[in-house]
Structures are given as C-alpha cells and as structure tokens.
Protein backbone atom coordinates (compact mmCIF):
# COMPACT_ATOMS: atom_id res chain seq x y z
CA UNK A 1 39.33 49.25 -11.34
CA UNK A 2 38.08 45.79 -12.25
CA UNK A 3 38.87 44.36 -15.64
CA UNK A 4 36.35 42.24 -17.49
CA UNK A 5 37.32 38.65 -18.13
CA UNK A 6 38.12 37.85 -21.74
CA UNK A 7 35.68 34.96 -21.72
CA UNK A 8 32.14 34.96 -20.40
CA UNK A 9 30.64 31.66 -19.38
CA UNK A 10 27.26 30.49 -18.29
CA UNK A 11 27.67 27.57 -15.84
CA UNK A 12 24.73 25.20 -15.87
CA UNK A 13 23.40 23.27 -12.89
CA UNK A 14 22.49 19.62 -12.99
CA UNK A 15 19.33 18.96 -14.96
CA UNK A 16 17.37 18.05 -11.83
CA UNK A 17 18.14 21.43 -10.25
CA UNK A 18 17.22 23.61 -13.20
CA UNK A 19 14.97 26.55 -12.60
CA UNK A 20 13.88 28.30 -15.79
CA UNK A 21 15.41 31.70 -16.42
CA UNK A 22 14.04 32.83 -19.78
CA UNK A 23 15.96 36.11 -19.70
CA UNK A 24 19.36 34.46 -19.23
CA UNK A 25 21.63 34.32 -22.26
CA UNK A 26 22.29 30.73 -23.29
CA UNK A 27 25.74 30.97 -24.78
CA UNK A 28 25.78 27.38 -25.98
CA UNK A 29 22.76 28.02 -28.23
CA UNK A 30 24.46 31.05 -29.78
CA UNK A 31 27.54 28.92 -30.33
CA UNK A 32 25.49 26.19 -31.98
CA UNK A 33 24.14 28.79 -34.42
CA UNK A 34 27.69 29.79 -35.35
CA UNK A 35 28.68 26.15 -35.79
CA UNK A 36 25.68 25.48 -38.06
CA UNK A 37 26.37 28.61 -40.11
CA UNK A 38 29.98 27.58 -40.68
CA UNK A 39 28.81 24.07 -41.53
CA UNK A 40 26.44 25.48 -44.16
CA UNK A 41 29.37 27.28 -45.82
CA UNK A 42 31.55 24.16 -45.72
CA UNK A 43 28.66 22.08 -47.07
CA UNK A 44 28.05 24.36 -50.04
CA UNK A 45 31.76 24.55 -50.72
CA UNK A 46 31.90 20.74 -50.69
CA UNK A 47 29.14 20.60 -53.31
CA UNK A 48 31.35 22.77 -55.49
CA UNK A 49 34.23 20.31 -55.33
CA UNK A 50 33.12 16.84 -54.35
CA UNK A 51 29.67 16.58 -52.79
CA UNK A 52 26.14 15.92 -53.92
CA UNK A 53 23.40 18.49 -54.33
CA UNK A 54 22.58 21.65 -56.26
CA UNK A 55 24.77 24.74 -56.20
CA UNK A 56 25.68 27.70 -58.38
CA UNK A 57 29.04 26.33 -59.50
CA UNK A 58 30.53 22.82 -59.68
CA UNK A 59 34.03 22.00 -60.87
CA UNK A 60 33.30 18.38 -61.68
CA UNK A 61 36.87 17.10 -61.33
CA UNK A 62 36.15 14.32 -58.84
CA UNK A 63 37.34 10.74 -58.93
CA UNK A 64 35.24 7.94 -57.44
CA UNK A 65 36.74 8.02 -53.95
CA UNK A 66 36.51 11.80 -53.77
CA UNK A 67 32.86 11.74 -54.84
CA UNK A 68 32.15 9.11 -52.20
CA UNK A 69 33.78 11.11 -49.39
CA UNK A 70 32.03 14.28 -50.53
CA UNK A 71 28.68 12.51 -50.68
CA UNK A 72 29.28 11.10 -47.18
CA UNK A 73 30.01 14.57 -45.80
CA UNK A 74 26.98 16.12 -47.51
CA UNK A 75 24.59 13.29 -46.62
CA UNK A 76 25.59 13.52 -42.95
CA UNK A 77 25.05 17.28 -42.90
CA UNK A 78 21.78 17.14 -44.83
CA UNK A 79 20.40 14.63 -42.37
CA UNK A 80 20.32 17.15 -39.53
CA UNK A 81 21.80 20.62 -39.99
CA UNK A 82 18.86 22.55 -41.45
CA UNK A 83 16.34 20.78 -39.24
CA UNK A 84 18.51 21.61 -36.24
CA UNK A 85 18.69 25.21 -37.44
CA UNK A 86 14.89 25.35 -37.49
CA UNK A 87 14.66 23.79 -34.03
CA UNK A 88 17.06 26.36 -32.58
CA UNK A 89 15.25 29.20 -34.37
CA UNK A 90 11.85 27.99 -33.13
CA UNK A 91 13.15 27.80 -29.57
CA UNK A 92 13.16 31.60 -29.37
CA UNK A 93 9.79 32.12 -31.05
CA UNK A 94 7.40 31.60 -28.08
CA UNK A 95 9.33 33.90 -25.75
CA UNK A 96 9.52 36.59 -28.41
CA UNK A 97 5.79 36.34 -29.05
CA UNK A 98 5.05 36.45 -25.31
CA UNK A 99 7.04 39.67 -24.91
CA UNK A 100 5.89 41.48 -28.05
CA UNK A 101 2.38 40.26 -28.78
CA UNK A 102 1.08 39.26 -32.20
CA UNK A 103 1.36 42.62 -33.97
CA UNK A 104 4.89 43.51 -32.87
CA UNK A 105 6.08 39.93 -33.28
CA UNK A 106 4.80 39.92 -36.87
CA UNK A 107 6.48 43.27 -37.54
CA UNK A 108 9.75 41.96 -36.14
CA UNK A 109 9.57 38.82 -38.32
CA UNK A 110 8.83 40.87 -41.42
CA UNK A 111 11.81 43.14 -40.75
CA UNK A 112 14.30 40.48 -39.66
CA UNK A 113 13.26 37.81 -42.15
CA UNK A 114 11.17 39.49 -44.83
CA UNK A 115 13.58 42.29 -45.79
CA UNK A 116 16.65 40.02 -46.30
CA UNK A 117 14.44 37.52 -48.12
CA UNK A 118 13.17 40.12 -50.59
CA UNK A 119 16.55 41.81 -51.07
CA UNK A 120 18.32 38.54 -51.79
CA UNK A 121 15.54 37.05 -53.94
CA UNK A 122 14.83 40.12 -56.07
CA UNK A 123 18.10 42.08 -56.02
CA UNK A 124 21.25 40.23 -54.92
CA UNK A 125 20.60 36.84 -56.51
CA UNK A 126 19.31 38.13 -59.88
CA UNK A 127 22.23 40.54 -60.22
CA UNK A 128 24.71 37.84 -59.23
CA UNK A 129 23.25 35.22 -61.59
CA UNK A 130 23.08 37.73 -64.45
CA UNK A 131 26.68 38.86 -63.94
CA UNK A 132 28.07 35.39 -63.30
CA UNK A 133 26.15 33.21 -65.77
CA UNK A 134 24.64 35.52 -68.37
CA UNK A 135 27.25 38.24 -68.80
CA UNK A 136 27.75 37.32 -72.46
CA UNK A 137 24.09 37.37 -73.53
CA UNK A 138 22.86 40.32 -75.54
CA UNK A 139 20.09 41.23 -73.16
CA UNK A 140 20.03 44.14 -70.70
CA UNK A 141 19.31 43.33 -67.08
CA UNK A 142 15.96 45.11 -67.13
CA UNK A 143 14.77 42.64 -69.74
CA UNK A 144 16.52 39.62 -68.26
CA UNK A 145 15.10 40.04 -64.73
CA UNK A 146 11.33 39.87 -65.38
CA UNK A 147 11.63 37.37 -68.20
CA UNK A 148 14.51 34.92 -68.35
CA UNK A 149 15.41 35.02 -64.65
CA UNK A 150 11.99 34.03 -63.32
CA UNK A 151 11.63 31.44 -66.06
CA UNK A 152 14.37 29.38 -64.37
CA UNK A 153 14.53 30.75 -60.79
CA UNK A 154 12.22 30.85 -57.75
CA UNK A 155 9.77 33.68 -57.37
CA UNK A 156 11.09 34.06 -53.83
CA UNK A 157 13.49 32.17 -51.59
CA UNK A 158 16.36 31.86 -54.06
CA UNK A 159 19.52 30.03 -53.03
CA UNK A 160 20.02 29.45 -49.28
CA UNK A 161 17.31 32.00 -48.47
CA UNK A 162 14.71 29.25 -48.79
CA UNK A 163 15.47 28.70 -45.10
CA UNK A 164 14.56 32.29 -44.20
CA UNK A 165 11.41 31.95 -46.30
CA UNK A 166 10.44 28.72 -44.52
CA UNK A 167 11.11 30.25 -41.11
CA UNK A 168 8.91 33.23 -42.02
CA UNK A 169 6.06 30.97 -43.17
CA UNK A 170 6.37 28.80 -40.04
CA UNK A 171 6.28 31.99 -37.95
CA UNK A 172 3.04 33.02 -39.66
CA UNK A 173 1.65 29.61 -38.78
CA UNK A 174 2.69 30.05 -35.16
CA UNK A 175 0.98 33.45 -34.97
CA UNK A 176 -2.28 31.96 -36.29
CA UNK A 177 -2.05 29.10 -33.84
CA UNK A 178 -1.52 31.45 -30.90
CA UNK A 179 -4.44 33.63 -31.97
CA UNK A 180 -6.89 30.73 -32.01
CA UNK A 181 -5.50 28.78 -29.04
CA UNK A 182 -5.83 29.32 -25.32
CA UNK A 183 -3.41 31.77 -23.65
CA UNK A 184 0.03 30.28 -23.04
CA UNK A 185 2.08 30.56 -19.83
CA UNK A 186 4.59 33.40 -19.79
CA UNK A 187 7.69 31.21 -19.71
CA UNK A 188 9.04 27.67 -19.66
CA UNK A 189 7.66 25.12 -17.23
CA UNK A 190 9.73 24.42 -14.14
CA UNK A 191 11.69 21.15 -13.81
CA UNK A 192 10.20 19.47 -16.90
CA UNK A 193 10.98 15.84 -17.68
CA UNK A 194 12.99 15.19 -20.81
CA UNK A 195 11.51 12.58 -23.18
CA UNK A 196 12.85 9.07 -22.65
CA UNK A 197 14.93 7.12 -25.13
CA UNK A 198 11.92 5.08 -26.18
CA UNK A 199 9.88 8.17 -27.00
CA UNK A 200 12.79 9.67 -28.97
CA UNK A 201 13.27 6.45 -30.94
CA UNK A 202 9.55 6.26 -31.71
CA UNK A 203 9.56 9.86 -32.89
CA UNK A 204 12.57 9.16 -35.12
CA UNK A 205 10.80 6.11 -36.55
CA UNK A 206 7.65 8.10 -37.35
CA UNK A 207 9.73 10.92 -38.80
CA UNK A 208 11.56 8.48 -41.05
CA UNK A 209 8.30 6.88 -42.22
CA UNK A 210 6.88 10.33 -42.98
CA UNK A 211 9.93 11.21 -45.06
CA UNK A 212 9.76 7.87 -46.88
CA UNK A 213 6.06 8.44 -47.65
CA UNK A 214 6.68 11.89 -49.12
CA UNK A 215 9.49 10.49 -51.27
CA UNK A 216 7.16 7.92 -52.83
CA UNK A 217 5.94 10.85 -54.97
CA UNK A 218 8.71 13.42 -54.59
CA UNK A 219 12.19 11.86 -54.41
CA UNK A 220 15.23 13.61 -52.99
CA UNK A 221 16.23 16.34 -55.42
CA UNK A 222 12.65 17.28 -56.30
CA UNK A 223 12.15 21.01 -55.87
CA UNK A 224 9.03 23.17 -55.86
CA UNK A 225 10.67 25.87 -57.95
CA UNK A 226 8.41 28.90 -57.23
CA UNK A 227 9.30 28.77 -53.51
CA UNK A 228 12.56 26.82 -53.84
CA UNK A 229 11.29 24.24 -51.35
CA UNK A 230 12.60 20.68 -51.43
CA UNK A 231 9.55 18.94 -50.01
CA UNK A 232 11.32 15.55 -49.57
CA UNK A 233 12.94 17.08 -46.46
CA UNK A 234 10.01 19.09 -45.16
CA UNK A 235 8.53 16.43 -42.90
CA UNK A 236 11.68 16.82 -40.81
CA UNK A 237 11.70 20.61 -41.05
CA UNK A 238 8.10 21.04 -39.91
CA UNK A 239 8.49 18.48 -37.13
CA UNK A 240 11.69 19.99 -35.72
CA UNK A 241 10.25 23.50 -35.81
CA UNK A 242 7.39 22.23 -33.65
CA UNK A 243 9.87 20.43 -31.39
CA UNK A 244 11.71 23.73 -30.94
CA UNK A 245 8.50 25.43 -29.81
CA UNK A 246 7.81 22.65 -27.31
CA UNK A 247 11.43 22.62 -26.16
CA UNK A 248 11.14 26.24 -25.01
CA UNK A 249 7.98 25.65 -23.00
CA UNK A 250 9.37 22.52 -21.38
CA UNK A 251 12.93 23.78 -21.02
CA UNK A 252 14.29 20.72 -22.83
CA UNK A 253 17.62 22.22 -23.87
CA UNK A 254 18.54 22.63 -20.22
CA UNK A 255 16.71 19.55 -18.95
CA UNK A 256 18.58 17.11 -21.24
CA UNK A 257 20.44 14.69 -18.91
CA UNK A 258 24.15 14.38 -19.67
CA UNK A 259 23.99 10.59 -19.81
CA UNK A 260 21.26 10.76 -22.45
CA UNK A 261 23.26 13.29 -24.44
CA UNK A 262 26.28 10.96 -24.41
CA UNK A 263 24.13 7.98 -25.39
CA UNK A 264 22.63 9.68 -28.46
CA UNK A 265 26.00 11.12 -29.43
CA UNK A 266 27.34 7.57 -29.56
CA UNK A 267 24.34 6.56 -31.68
CA UNK A 268 25.11 9.45 -34.05
CA UNK A 269 28.74 8.34 -34.48
CA UNK A 270 27.60 4.78 -35.16
CA UNK A 271 25.06 5.93 -37.76
CA UNK A 272 27.64 8.07 -39.54
CA UNK A 273 29.95 5.07 -39.76
CA UNK A 274 27.09 2.89 -41.06
CA UNK A 275 26.45 5.15 -44.06
CA UNK A 276 29.10 3.61 -46.28
CA UNK A 277 28.11 -0.04 -45.64
CA UNK A 278 24.48 0.92 -46.21
CA UNK A 279 24.99 2.49 -49.61
CA UNK A 280 27.35 -0.26 -50.72
CA UNK A 281 24.87 -2.95 -49.68
CA UNK A 282 22.11 -1.06 -51.47
CA UNK A 283 24.01 -0.90 -54.74
CA UNK A 284 24.55 2.85 -54.79
CA UNK A 285 27.96 2.42 -56.41
CA UNK A 286 26.10 1.21 -59.51
CA UNK A 287 22.78 3.07 -59.21
CA UNK A 288 21.83 5.45 -56.38
CA UNK A 289 18.26 6.15 -57.53
CA UNK A 290 16.60 3.56 -55.23
CA UNK A 291 17.90 5.56 -52.27
CA UNK A 292 16.28 8.85 -53.24
CA UNK A 293 12.67 7.71 -53.22
CA UNK A 294 10.03 5.32 -54.45
CA UNK A 295 8.92 1.94 -53.15
CA UNK A 296 12.39 0.56 -52.46
CA UNK A 297 13.94 -0.81 -49.28
CA UNK A 298 16.90 1.48 -49.90
CA UNK A 299 14.65 4.56 -49.80
CA UNK A 300 13.11 3.38 -46.53
CA UNK A 301 16.52 2.62 -45.02
CA UNK A 302 17.84 6.00 -46.13
CA UNK A 303 14.87 7.88 -44.64
CA UNK A 304 15.21 6.02 -41.33
CA UNK A 305 18.98 6.53 -41.24
CA UNK A 306 18.41 10.22 -41.83
CA UNK A 307 15.73 10.63 -39.14
CA UNK A 308 17.64 8.73 -36.44
CA UNK A 309 20.85 10.59 -37.28
CA UNK A 310 18.97 13.89 -37.18
CA UNK A 311 17.64 13.40 -33.67
CA UNK A 312 20.83 11.83 -32.33
CA UNK A 313 22.96 14.69 -33.69
CA UNK A 314 20.61 17.34 -32.32
CA UNK A 315 20.67 15.77 -28.86
CA UNK A 316 24.37 14.99 -28.98
CA UNK A 317 25.35 18.49 -30.08
CA UNK A 318 23.18 20.13 -27.44
CA UNK A 319 25.02 18.01 -24.88
CA UNK A 320 28.48 18.85 -26.28
CA UNK A 321 27.89 22.59 -26.56
CA UNK A 322 26.09 22.85 -23.22
CA UNK A 323 28.74 20.82 -21.42
CA UNK A 324 31.94 22.04 -23.06
CA UNK A 325 31.18 25.14 -25.18
CA UNK A 326 28.91 27.21 -22.97
CA UNK A 327 31.14 30.29 -22.96
CA UNK A 328 32.14 33.11 -25.25
CA UNK A 329 35.54 34.64 -25.63
CA UNK A 330 36.44 37.55 -27.87
CA UNK A 331 36.24 35.50 -31.06
CA UNK A 332 32.78 34.08 -30.35
CA UNK A 333 31.50 37.53 -29.36
CA UNK A 334 32.47 38.61 -32.88
CA UNK A 335 31.10 35.55 -34.66
CA UNK A 336 27.71 35.31 -32.95
CA UNK A 337 26.17 38.64 -34.06
CA UNK A 338 27.56 38.21 -37.58
CA UNK A 339 26.34 34.66 -38.22
CA UNK A 340 22.93 35.64 -39.62
CA UNK A 341 24.41 38.09 -42.13
CA UNK A 342 27.00 35.51 -43.13
CA UNK A 343 24.23 33.07 -43.93
CA UNK A 344 22.51 35.66 -46.12
CA UNK A 345 25.56 36.73 -48.13
CA UNK A 346 27.65 33.56 -48.31
CA UNK A 347 26.31 32.12 -51.58
CA UNK A 348 27.72 34.72 -54.00
CA UNK A 349 30.86 35.18 -51.89
CA UNK A 350 31.98 31.56 -51.82
CA UNK A 351 30.92 31.00 -55.43
CA UNK A 352 33.04 33.90 -56.67
CA UNK A 353 35.98 32.77 -54.53
CA UNK A 354 35.74 29.24 -55.92
CA UNK A 355 35.44 30.49 -59.49
CA UNK A 356 38.42 32.80 -59.03
CA UNK A 357 40.72 29.83 -58.31
CA UNK A 358 39.20 27.45 -60.86
CA UNK A 359 42.54 27.16 -62.69
CA UNK A 360 44.52 26.27 -59.56
CA UNK A 361 45.45 22.58 -59.76
CA UNK A 362 44.77 20.93 -56.40
CA UNK A 363 43.05 17.75 -55.33
CA UNK A 364 39.33 18.63 -54.93
CA UNK A 365 39.24 17.83 -51.21
CA UNK A 366 42.40 19.81 -50.53
CA UNK A 367 41.01 22.69 -52.55
CA UNK A 368 37.80 22.50 -50.52
CA UNK A 369 39.73 22.60 -47.24
CA UNK A 370 41.98 25.50 -48.25
CA UNK A 371 39.22 27.59 -49.77
CA UNK A 372 36.88 26.95 -46.85
CA UNK A 373 39.53 28.31 -44.47
CA UNK A 374 39.67 31.42 -46.64
CA UNK A 375 35.97 31.82 -47.40
CA UNK A 376 34.69 31.55 -43.83
CA UNK A 377 36.79 34.47 -42.44
CA UNK A 378 36.04 36.52 -45.57
CA UNK A 379 32.29 36.04 -45.10
CA UNK A 380 32.43 37.05 -41.44
CA UNK A 381 34.59 40.08 -42.24
CA UNK A 382 32.16 41.21 -44.94
CA UNK A 383 29.29 40.69 -42.52
CA UNK A 384 30.94 42.96 -39.97
CA UNK A 385 31.35 45.67 -42.61
CA UNK A 386 27.76 45.34 -43.82
CA UNK A 387 26.39 45.58 -40.29
CA UNK A 388 28.11 48.95 -39.89
CA UNK A 389 25.95 50.45 -42.64
CA UNK A 390 23.10 52.77 -41.56
CA UNK A 391 19.89 51.05 -40.43
CA UNK A 392 21.30 47.54 -40.82
CA UNK A 393 21.14 47.04 -37.05
CA UNK A 394 17.34 47.02 -37.35
CA UNK A 395 17.45 44.07 -39.73
CA UNK A 396 20.70 42.16 -39.16
C-alpha cells in the first residue's frame, strides 16, 4: 500500500503560465497566516517588555537601548502586519460569496466572526480584566460588568478582537457592494498583469498621504474607545482589504513576478534599516510626539515610511512564502487550523504567563525571547484542546 508523504507541497508555475484554479489549496497563504499570528503574539509580548503600544500588562524595566530596539521591532510590525492580515483575509471573501450567496455568506461571517467577537468582548475579556486587575475591589462581578467595565472598556472589539470586528464590518460592506453592483465573474481572471513598480509606488505614496492626513486630527495612539478602533491606521486597513478583494479577481498572489518580489523585498530591508536614522534625525530621542501626528515633517516621513514598508513587506513576503514555503509538513498541518483560535485566546494567555514570571530577573529582551518560545506553543496547544469541544468546529 502507498504511504502518504509527510509533506504536501503545491508547486507553482511561472507567473506567465498561470491558469486560475480557485479550488486549489494555496499552502503559502495558509503559512503566511500562521506567520502573522505568531508575529502578533511576539509583538504583544514585546510590548510587555520593551516595545511601544498599549497592552494589558507592562513591566517597565527597560533601559534606553532596550526601549529603542523594542520600539524598532514594534514599529516595523505595526507598519504592515495587520494590514497584511486584512489583505489575506479579504482574498478569500469574493470566492466565498460567489459559492454561498449573500444570505449564507452573511450567516457564515456571523458565526465565524460574530460569535468569537461577542464571547471575547462580553465574557472572556471582562472576566479576565476583573480577575486580573480588579480582584481586590469590593464589588461583585455582576455589578462591575455593566458599570465599571464599560466605563473604561470598548462596547465591543476588546483587545486584539478589534481585528475580527473590523473584518466583520468590512464584510458587511462587501455584501452591500455586491448587492448593488453588477454580477461578478465566478472566479479570478486568467493571466492577469501584476501592477508595475510605478503603480505600486504611487499607491504607497497616496496611502502614506492619507495616513498623514488622518493623523493631523487623530495622532497615533488615538483610539475610538467604543469600538476599540485606532483610526490613525485605518486608511491602510481599508485600502489593503480592498486590495485583497481585487487580488483574488486578478489572481495577483500567483501573478506576482519573482523579480518584482525580490525587488520589493530589498526595498523592505532598506526601509527597516532606515528607521533608526530617521527617528534620530527627527529628534525622537528627545521628543517623539512630532512623529505621531500633526503638521510636522516627521509625521509625514513616518506615514510614508510606514506605507512603503507595508507594501514592500506584503509583496516581499508573498514572494518568499510562495517561492520557498509553499508546502506543509506535519507541524504546519497542526498550526494552520489552530491559528485563528490562537489569535482569539492569546491575550489572556500571554498576559498571565508574563505576570507569572514577573519576579524572574532577566534582561527584558531575553525574557521576551524565552517567554515567547513558551507562550507560542502553549497557545497552540490550548487552541487544539478548545477545538475538540462540541460545536467548536462550526465556529473555529
């Protein structure tokens, strides 16, 4: 009898020879999702120890160099990873709608996105915050939840689940657009041209100017609390969701020429290396506020750096994963179906792990590295256990 190979791969032809096969499993896209999920965990863990941003728990034991390295790591991630997540998520939306129709597509979105969103926002997060931060107050949970909790927390979309909330809202928008637009073709177009470097650069420029414009009124860090939306980044998020929809119809993820992927990957590396000179030249070591918004050249430079890095990383990573990581062995077959659940549950898990070792004396970056190597397997193991519960297969 034949034995199955331990690793499944999906060889890709040259871009010029591509014929669209919507039903084929694109392993490299699944692998990108796993990579982005792990990066989200590492990013939030870095905020705990050395990075910039908002999180449940911060140790605050950083020296200047550590804070700088943490900020570099977080700024690089923030420039592209959630926008790329939305692009990848949007890539599967048109095909799903084509197969299911408006009513069943909406039902699927409400089950897959709405149920985790509600459970985390109104059950998991309130219980976690109450137990972790307010365990010593003389107030029962049934009083704390409708009063004190919502006084400081989002109505919906708490913690990392803002992403699920945004994806659900964008999906609603897509449904409305499909209902009022002309019928779409059933699948991707054959042999589509990939946008040229000039078009990509122009799009990055416009995206950066849009982000800069928003930040004239709402600087980085500003948050619309009821929905937990950080609007300073939403020009990118909306734009890349739309790009993901177009990418499916035009088969862009397969049509990307290798030489263009390598070119934009090199641009991404250069931009990452330019971050430190940029912030030093802009005076961020003394005062970083001109970078976060307002009518400052630093805010414009930061928005443009972010937009060009976003597009170059998206293109470069598609090239890397399609060229070198378009297969799945036993480990990836375990990680891929568990990635979504890991994203949903990781916030309380990594926070509790970090808090449990708060008295361990290690350099913050070393502590981040060690705890990340522990937290990531723990989250995936918990996900596997959760997905064995009854009915979870319908949601997760």
